């Protein structure tokens, strides 16, 4: 079991902002997962990987792939209180799901 979080590198977010956006994405996708997937993921150590994304369109393309594979996912839109404009798409979480399925969606991306 695994979860992949794709954060946009093109936005130039500070480290704290990046960490917050990754956390928002992770929790939101977890909440959308089924009970069995949540339990299996928690029981196996909550494996996560943070990957580098290049654009808003890339995140939406990956979200579409996740949906077609039946994986939970969450797109984060920033509230605009600090570094980003309101509504800026900053991160995407895919999973928790089987490592194989998550990798079919995000496996070609580099680590952040």
C-alpha atoms as a PDB file:
ATOM      1  CA  UNK A   1       0.000   0.000   0.000  1.00  0.00           C
ATOM      2  CA  UNK A   2       1.202   3.459  -0.874  1.00  0.00           C
ATOM      3  CA  UNK A   3       0.216   7.068  -1.331  1.00  0.00           C
ATOM      4  CA  UNK A   4       1.931   9.444  -3.751  1.00  0.00           C
ATOM      5  CA  UNK A   5       1.699  13.196  -3.364  1.00  0.00           C
ATOM      6  CA  UNK A   6       2.611  15.319  -6.390  1.00  0.00           C
ATOM      7  CA  UNK A   7       3.533  18.901  -5.517  1.00  0.00           C
ATOM      8  CA  UNK A   8       3.987  21.621  -8.098  1.00  0.00           C
ATOM      9  CA  UNK A   9       7.611  22.722  -8.322  1.00  0.00           C
ATOM     10  CA  UNK A  10       6.784  25.537 -10.743  1.00  0.00           C
ATOM     11  CA  UNK A  11       5.089  27.604  -8.008  1.00  0.00           C
ATOM     12  CA  UNK A  12       8.241  28.208  -5.944  1.00  0.00           C
ATOM     13  CA  UNK A  13       6.508  27.438  -2.646  1.00  0.00           C
ATOM     14  CA  UNK A  14       8.557  27.830   0.507  1.00  0.00           C
ATOM     15  CA  UNK A  15       9.340  24.706   2.516  1.00  0.00           C
ATOM     16  CA  UNK A  16       6.593  25.311   5.069  1.00  0.00           C
ATOM     17  CA  UNK A  17       4.007  26.036   2.405  1.00  0.00           C
ATOM     18  CA  UNK A  18       5.024  22.912   0.500  1.00  0.00           C
ATOM     19  CA  UNK A  19       4.730  20.801   3.653  1.00  0.00           C
ATOM     20  CA  UNK A  20       1.254  22.174   4.379  1.00  0.00           C
ATOM     21  CA  UNK A  21       0.006  21.528   0.833  1.00  0.00           C
ATOM     22  CA  UNK A  22       1.371  17.966   0.893  1.00  0.00           C
ATOM     23  CA  UNK A  23      -0.346  17.359   4.240  1.00  0.00           C
ATOM     24  CA  UNK A  24      -3.667  18.735   2.950  1.00  0.00           C
ATOM     25  CA  UNK A  25      -3.485  16.466  -0.103  1.00  0.00           C
ATOM     26  CA  UNK A  26      -2.540  13.368   1.886  1.00  0.00           C
ATOM     27  CA  UNK A  27      -5.337  13.739   4.411  1.00  0.00           C
ATOM     28  CA  UNK A  28      -7.973  14.610   1.810  1.00  0.00           C
ATOM     29  CA  UNK A  29      -7.223  11.555  -0.344  1.00  0.00           C
ATOM     30  CA  UNK A  30      -7.101   9.344   2.767  1.00  0.00           C
ATOM     31  CA  UNK A  31     -10.568  10.554   3.745  1.00  0.00           C
ATOM     32  CA  UNK A  32     -11.888   9.665   0.275  1.00  0.00           C
ATOM     33  CA  UNK A  33     -10.470   6.110   0.398  1.00  0.00           C
ATOM     34  CA  UNK A  34     -12.639   3.194   1.378  1.00  0.00           C
ATOM     35  CA  UNK A  35     -12.518   1.800   4.911  1.00  0.00           C
ATOM     36  CA  UNK A  36     -10.564  -1.314   3.866  1.00  0.00           C
ATOM     37  CA  UNK A  37      -7.930   0.696   1.991  1.00  0.00           C
ATOM     38  CA  UNK A  38      -7.509   3.097   4.918  1.00  0.00           C
ATOM     39  CA  UNK A  39      -7.092   0.218   7.354  1.00  0.00           C
ATOM     40  CA  UNK A  40      -4.597  -1.666   5.145  1.00  0.00           C
ATOM     41  CA  UNK A  41      -2.540   1.477   4.529  1.00  0.00           C
ATOM     42  CA  UNK A  42      -2.443   2.421   8.213  1.00  0.00           C
ATOM     43  CA  UNK A  43      -1.544  -1.142   9.161  1.00  0.00           C
ATOM     44  CA  UNK A  44       1.330  -1.261   6.672  1.00  0.00           C
ATOM     45  CA  UNK A  45       3.081   1.899   7.856  1.00  0.00           C
ATOM     46  CA  UNK A  46       1.322   4.610   5.787  1.00  0.00           C
ATOM     47  CA  UNK A  47       3.946   4.614   3.028  1.00  0.00           C
ATOM     48  CA  UNK A  48       4.120   7.990   1.252  1.00  0.00           C
ATOM     49  CA  UNK A  49       6.289   9.498  -1.442  1.00  0.00           C
ATOM     50  CA  UNK A  50       6.406  13.165  -2.481  1.00  0.00           C
ATOM     51  CA  UNK A  51       6.953  13.713  -6.185  1.00  0.00           C
ATOM     52  CA  UNK A  52       7.674  16.725  -8.375  1.00  0.00           C
ATOM     53  CA  UNK A  53       4.978  18.059 -10.668  1.00  0.00           C
ATOM     54  CA  UNK A  54       5.457  20.749 -13.278  1.00  0.00           C
ATOM     55  CA  UNK A  55       2.044  22.285 -13.888  1.00  0.00           C
ATOM     56  CA  UNK A  56      -1.620  22.447 -13.018  1.00  0.00           C
ATOM     57  CA  UNK A  57      -2.507  20.590 -16.211  1.00  0.00           C
ATOM     58  CA  UNK A  58      -0.160  17.736 -15.273  1.00  0.00           C
ATOM     59  CA  UNK A  59      -1.884  17.331 -11.902  1.00  0.00           C
ATOM     60  CA  UNK A  60      -5.296  17.171 -13.565  1.00  0.00           C
ATOM     61  CA  UNK A  61      -4.039  14.590 -16.085  1.00  0.00           C
ATOM     62  CA  UNK A  62      -2.713  12.445 -13.226  1.00  0.00           C
ATOM     63  CA  UNK A  63      -5.989  12.838 -11.317  1.00  0.00           C
ATOM     64  CA  UNK A  64      -7.850  11.616 -14.389  1.00  0.00           C
ATOM     65  CA  UNK A  65      -5.584   8.540 -14.598  1.00  0.00           C
ATOM     66  CA  UNK A  66      -6.141   7.843 -10.887  1.00  0.00           C
ATOM     67  CA  UNK A  67      -9.895   8.073 -11.319  1.00  0.00           C
ATOM     68  CA  UNK A  68      -9.842   5.685 -14.293  1.00  0.00           C
ATOM     69  CA  UNK A  69      -7.896   3.167 -12.167  1.00  0.00           C
ATOM     70  CA  UNK A  70     -10.347   3.486  -9.283  1.00  0.00           C
ATOM     71  CA  UNK A  71      -7.845   5.093  -6.914  1.00  0.00           C
ATOM     72  CA  UNK A  72      -8.792   7.731  -4.366  1.00  0.00           C
ATOM     73  CA  UNK A  73      -7.226  11.101  -5.098  1.00  0.00           C
ATOM     74  CA  UNK A  74      -7.433  14.699  -3.969  1.00  0.00           C
ATOM     75  CA  UNK A  75      -6.499  17.960  -5.649  1.00  0.00           C
ATOM     76  CA  UNK A  76      -5.545  20.832  -3.345  1.00  0.00           C
ATOM     77  CA  UNK A  77      -6.546  24.385  -4.197  1.00  0.00           C
ATOM     78  CA  UNK A  78      -4.886  26.951  -1.978  1.00  0.00           C
ATOM     79  CA  UNK A  79      -7.007  29.377   0.042  1.00  0.00           C
ATOM     80  CA  UNK A  80      -4.667  32.236  -0.833  1.00  0.00           C
ATOM     81  CA  UNK A  81      -3.865  33.427   2.691  1.00  0.00           C
ATOM     82  CA  UNK A  82      -0.077  33.458   2.293  1.00  0.00           C
ATOM     83  CA  UNK A  83       2.114  32.718  -0.743  1.00  0.00           C
ATOM     84  CA  UNK A  84      -0.312  31.696  -3.486  1.00  0.00           C
ATOM     85  CA  UNK A  85      -3.297  33.268  -5.187  1.00  0.00           C
ATOM     86  CA  UNK A  86      -6.683  31.927  -4.051  1.00  0.00           C
ATOM     87  CA  UNK A  87      -7.652  28.790  -5.968  1.00  0.00           C
ATOM     88  CA  UNK A  88      -4.125  27.910  -7.091  1.00  0.00           C
ATOM     89  CA  UNK A  89      -3.823  24.151  -7.619  1.00  0.00           C
ATOM     90  CA  UNK A  90      -0.752  23.210  -5.583  1.00  0.00           C
ATOM     91  CA  UNK A  91      -0.755  19.439  -4.994  1.00  0.00           C
ATOM     92  CA  UNK A  92      -2.384  16.127  -5.804  1.00  0.00           C
ATOM     93  CA  UNK A  93      -2.476  12.979  -3.685  1.00  0.00           C
ATOM     94  CA  UNK A  94      -3.065   9.573  -5.267  1.00  0.00           C
ATOM     95  CA  UNK A  95      -3.976   6.705  -2.971  1.00  0.00           C
ATOM     96  CA  UNK A  96      -3.784   5.053  -0.595  1.00  0.00           C
ATOM     97  CA  UNK A  97      -3.913   2.113  -2.897  1.00  0.00           C
ATOM     98  CA  UNK A  98      -1.850  -0.825  -4.004  1.00  0.00           C
ATOM     99  CA  UNK A  99       1.706   0.208  -4.756  1.00  0.00           C
ATOM    100  CA  UNK A 100       1.398  -1.227  -8.261  1.00  0.00           C
ATOM    101  CA  UNK A 101      -1.677   0.857  -9.115  1.00  0.00           C
ATOM    102  CA  UNK A 102      -0.292   4.064  -7.623  1.00  0.00           C
ATOM    103  CA  UNK A 103       2.939   3.568  -9.581  1.00  0.00           C
ATOM    104  CA  UNK A 104       0.937   3.167 -12.796  1.00  0.00           C
ATOM    105  CA  UNK A 105      -0.271   6.725 -12.261  1.00  0.00           C
ATOM    106  CA  UNK A 106       2.785   8.458 -10.776  1.00  0.00           C
ATOM    107  CA  UNK A 107       5.718   6.081 -11.299  1.00  0.00           C
ATOM    108  CA  UNK A 108       7.418   8.194 -13.981  1.00  0.00           C
ATOM    109  CA  UNK A 109       7.721  11.322 -11.809  1.00  0.00           C
ATOM    110  CA  UNK A 110      10.913  12.343  -9.990  1.00  0.00           C
ATOM    111  CA  UNK A 111      11.128  12.701  -6.225  1.00  0.00           C
ATOM    112  CA  UNK A 112      10.604  16.234  -4.948  1.00  0.00           C
END
